[in-house]
C-alpha atoms as a PDB file:
ATOM      1  CA  UNK A   1      -0.250  -0.310   0.008  1.00  0.00           C
ATOM      2  CA  UNK A   2       2.678   2.330   0.574  1.00  0.00           C
ATOM      3  CA  UNK A   3       4.555   2.125  -2.860  1.00  0.00           C
ATOM      4  CA  UNK A   4       1.321   4.055  -4.589  1.00  0.00           C
ATOM      5  CA  UNK A   5       2.481   7.072  -2.020  1.00  0.00           C
ATOM      6  CA  UNK A   6       6.348   6.822  -3.125  1.00  0.00           C
ATOM      7  CA  UNK A   7       6.028   9.549  -5.619  1.00  0.00           C
ATOM      8  CA  UNK A   8       4.901  12.267  -2.846  1.00  0.00           C
ATOM      9  CA  UNK A   9       7.645  11.498  -0.541  1.00  0.00           C
ATOM     10  CA  UNK A  10       6.725   8.254   1.816  1.00  0.00           C
ATOM     11  CA  UNK A  11       7.516   6.478   5.239  1.00  0.00           C
ATOM     12  CA  UNK A  12      10.712   7.753   6.883  1.00  0.00           C
ATOM     13  CA  UNK A  13      12.695   6.781  10.195  1.00  0.00           C
ATOM     14  CA  UNK A  14      12.522   8.868  13.479  1.00  0.00           C
ATOM     15  CA  UNK A  15      16.002   9.857  12.879  1.00  0.00           C
ATOM     16  CA  UNK A  16      15.687  10.702   9.057  1.00  0.00           C
ATOM     17  CA  UNK A  17      12.332  12.721  10.079  1.00  0.00           C
ATOM     18  CA  UNK A  18      14.282  14.645  13.413  1.00  0.00           C
ATOM     19  CA  UNK A  19      16.768  15.825  11.223  1.00  0.00           C
ATOM     20  CA  UNK A  20      14.947  16.871   8.064  1.00  0.00           C
ATOM     21  CA  UNK A  21      11.918  18.429   9.714  1.00  0.00           C
ATOM     22  CA  UNK A  22      12.845  22.371  10.417  1.00  0.00           C
ATOM     23  CA  UNK A  23      12.154  22.814   7.237  1.00  0.00           C
ATOM     24  CA  UNK A  24       8.746  20.721   7.115  1.00  0.00           C
ATOM     25  CA  UNK A  25       5.150  21.875   8.491  1.00  0.00           C
ATOM     26  CA  UNK A  26       5.052  18.997  11.189  1.00  0.00           C
ATOM     27  CA  UNK A  27       1.504  17.879  11.657  1.00  0.00           C
ATOM     28  CA  UNK A  28       0.778  15.573  15.201  1.00  0.00           C
ATOM     29  CA  UNK A  29      -3.149  13.297  13.892  1.00  0.00           C
ATOM     30  CA  UNK A  30      -3.540  12.318  17.184  1.00  0.00           C
ATOM     31  CA  UNK A  31      -6.609  13.884  19.733  1.00  0.00           C
ATOM     32  CA  UNK A  32      -5.817  17.082  21.451  1.00  0.00           C
ATOM     33  CA  UNK A  33      -5.354  14.862  24.994  1.00  0.00           C
ATOM     34  CA  UNK A  34      -2.663  12.841  23.935  1.00  0.00           C
ATOM     35  CA  UNK A  35      -0.972  15.638  22.263  1.00  0.00           C
ATOM     36  CA  UNK A  36      -0.399  17.665  25.270  1.00  0.00           C
ATOM     37  CA  UNK A  37       0.876  14.615  27.024  1.00  0.00           C
ATOM     38  CA  UNK A  38       3.741  15.046  24.838  1.00  0.00           C
ATOM     39  CA  UNK A  39       4.459  15.860  21.101  1.00  0.00           C
ATOM     40  CA  UNK A  40       7.405  15.942  18.751  1.00  0.00           C
ATOM     41  CA  UNK A  41       8.850  19.447  19.415  1.00  0.00           C
ATOM     42  CA  UNK A  42       7.616  22.211  16.805  1.00  0.00           C
ATOM     43  CA  UNK A  43       4.652  19.965  15.839  1.00  0.00           C
ATOM     44  CA  UNK A  44       0.552  21.255  15.700  1.00  0.00           C
ATOM     45  CA  UNK A  45      -1.794  19.394  16.494  1.00  0.00           C
ATOM     46  CA  UNK A  46      -4.551  18.620  13.480  1.00  0.00           C
ATOM     47  CA  UNK A  47      -6.259  15.465  15.146  1.00  0.00           C
ATOM     48  CA  UNK A  48      -7.178  13.015  12.495  1.00  0.00           C
ATOM     49  CA  UNK A  49     -10.969  13.463  13.311  1.00  0.00           C
ATOM     50  CA  UNK A  50     -10.855  17.310  12.561  1.00  0.00           C
ATOM     51  CA  UNK A  51      -8.711  16.739   9.672  1.00  0.00           C
ATOM     52  CA  UNK A  52     -10.939  17.458   6.254  1.00  0.00           C
ATOM     53  CA  UNK A  53     -11.463  20.681   8.476  1.00  0.00           C
ATOM     54  CA  UNK A  54      -8.493  21.870   9.698  1.00  0.00           C
ATOM     55  CA  UNK A  55      -6.282  21.049   6.016  1.00  0.00           C
ATOM     56  CA  UNK A  56      -6.490  24.060   4.562  1.00  0.00           C
ATOM     57  CA  UNK A  57      -4.187  25.763   7.159  1.00  0.00           C
ATOM     58  CA  UNK A  58      -1.178  23.722   5.593  1.00  0.00           C
ATOM     59  CA  UNK A  59       1.055  24.953   2.554  1.00  0.00           C
ATOM     60  CA  UNK A  60       1.027  23.338  -0.266  1.00  0.00           C
ATOM     61  CA  UNK A  61       4.345  25.171  -1.507  1.00  0.00           C
ATOM     62  CA  UNK A  62       6.407  23.660   1.887  1.00  0.00           C
ATOM     63  CA  UNK A  63       7.210  19.533   2.857  1.00  0.00           C
ATOM     64  CA  UNK A  64       4.291  17.917   5.394  1.00  0.00           C
ATOM     65  CA  UNK A  65       5.335  16.029   7.531  1.00  0.00           C
ATOM     66  CA  UNK A  66       3.168  13.767   9.770  1.00  0.00           C
ATOM     67  CA  UNK A  67       2.012  10.814  12.885  1.00  0.00           C
ATOM     68  CA  UNK A  68       0.035   9.896  14.861  1.00  0.00           C
ATOM     69  CA  UNK A  69       0.340   7.695  17.202  1.00  0.00           C
ATOM     70  CA  UNK A  70       1.420   4.375  15.844  1.00  0.00           C
ATOM     71  CA  UNK A  71       1.733   5.143  11.713  1.00  0.00           C
ATOM     72  CA  UNK A  72      -1.513   4.073  10.571  1.00  0.00           C
ATOM     73  CA  UNK A  73      -3.435   7.022  10.507  1.00  0.00           C
ATOM     74  CA  UNK A  74      -0.778   8.860   9.200  1.00  0.00           C
ATOM     75  CA  UNK A  75      -1.155   6.840   5.569  1.00  0.00           C
ATOM     76  CA  UNK A  76      -4.672   7.719   5.250  1.00  0.00           C
ATOM     77  CA  UNK A  77      -3.812  11.193   6.016  1.00  0.00           C
ATOM     78  CA  UNK A  78      -0.688  11.023   3.725  1.00  0.00           C
ATOM     79  CA  UNK A  79      -3.260   9.621   0.705  1.00  0.00           C
ATOM     80  CA  UNK A  80      -6.022  12.613   1.305  1.00  0.00           C
ATOM     81  CA  UNK A  81      -3.183  15.358   1.699  1.00  0.00           C
ATOM     82  CA  UNK A  82      -2.298  13.844  -2.273  1.00  0.00           C
ATOM     83  CA  UNK A  83      -5.882  14.442  -3.678  1.00  0.00           C
ATOM     84  CA  UNK A  84      -5.388  17.755  -2.003  1.00  0.00           C
ATOM     85  CA  UNK A  85      -2.393  18.807  -4.583  1.00  0.00           C
ATOM     86  CA  UNK A  86      -0.098  18.354  -2.291  1.00  0.00           C
ATOM     87  CA  UNK A  87       3.524  16.389  -3.165  1.00  0.00           C
ATOM     88  CA  UNK A  88       5.708  16.625  -0.068  1.00  0.00           C
ATOM     89  CA  UNK A  89       4.162  14.062   2.251  1.00  0.00           C
ATOM     90  CA  UNK A  90       6.438  12.191   4.707  1.00  0.00           C
ATOM     91  CA  UNK A  91       5.546  10.110   7.656  1.00  0.00           C
ATOM     92  CA  UNK A  92       7.254   8.902  10.574  1.00  0.00           C
ATOM     93  CA  UNK A  93       7.468   4.677  10.867  1.00  0.00           C
ATOM     94  CA  UNK A  94       6.035   3.508  13.282  1.00  0.00           C
ATOM     95  CA  UNK A  95       4.217   6.947  15.032  1.00  0.00           C
ATOM     96  CA  UNK A  96       4.742   8.648  17.938  1.00  0.00           C
ATOM     97  CA  UNK A  97       5.280   5.877  19.596  1.00  0.00           C
ATOM     98  CA  UNK A  98       8.184   5.156  18.144  1.00  0.00           C
ATOM     99  CA  UNK A  99      10.040   8.295  18.807  1.00  0.00           C
ATOM    100  CA  UNK A 100      12.562   9.170  20.942  1.00  0.00           C
ATOM    101  CA  UNK A 101      13.870  12.805  19.586  1.00  0.00           C
ATOM    102  CA  UNK A 102      12.828  16.015  21.516  1.00  0.00           C
ATOM    103  CA  UNK A 103       8.818  16.273  22.832  1.00  0.00           C
ATOM    104  CA  UNK A 104       7.157  18.837  24.415  1.00  0.00           C
ATOM    105  CA  UNK A 105       3.958  18.891  26.870  1.00  0.00           C
ATOM    106  CA  UNK A 106       1.617  20.884  27.641  1.00  0.00           C
ATOM    107  CA  UNK A 107       1.069  19.421  31.309  1.00  0.00           C
END
């Protein structure tokens, strides 16, 4: 299933995600309660349940780095972004649960 999205970016491991995300829009697809407990430093929260309504806030001229808890929702979100005309979409392999880089929490 991931092969069809290779043309727009693809799955990247946590190290590559962390070293290249500075020039991208980092989007956390998890719900706000999970985001508040801890998220990747610099990420904005666009819960997947509100994705359709809030995706308009993303720029098409910049890469989009997306992640969720395990990586399952990221693939669906990547498909939606591709249909909307985004062409640089990357998602975190195995999601936030596999992340060991810098995080921030609101608590």
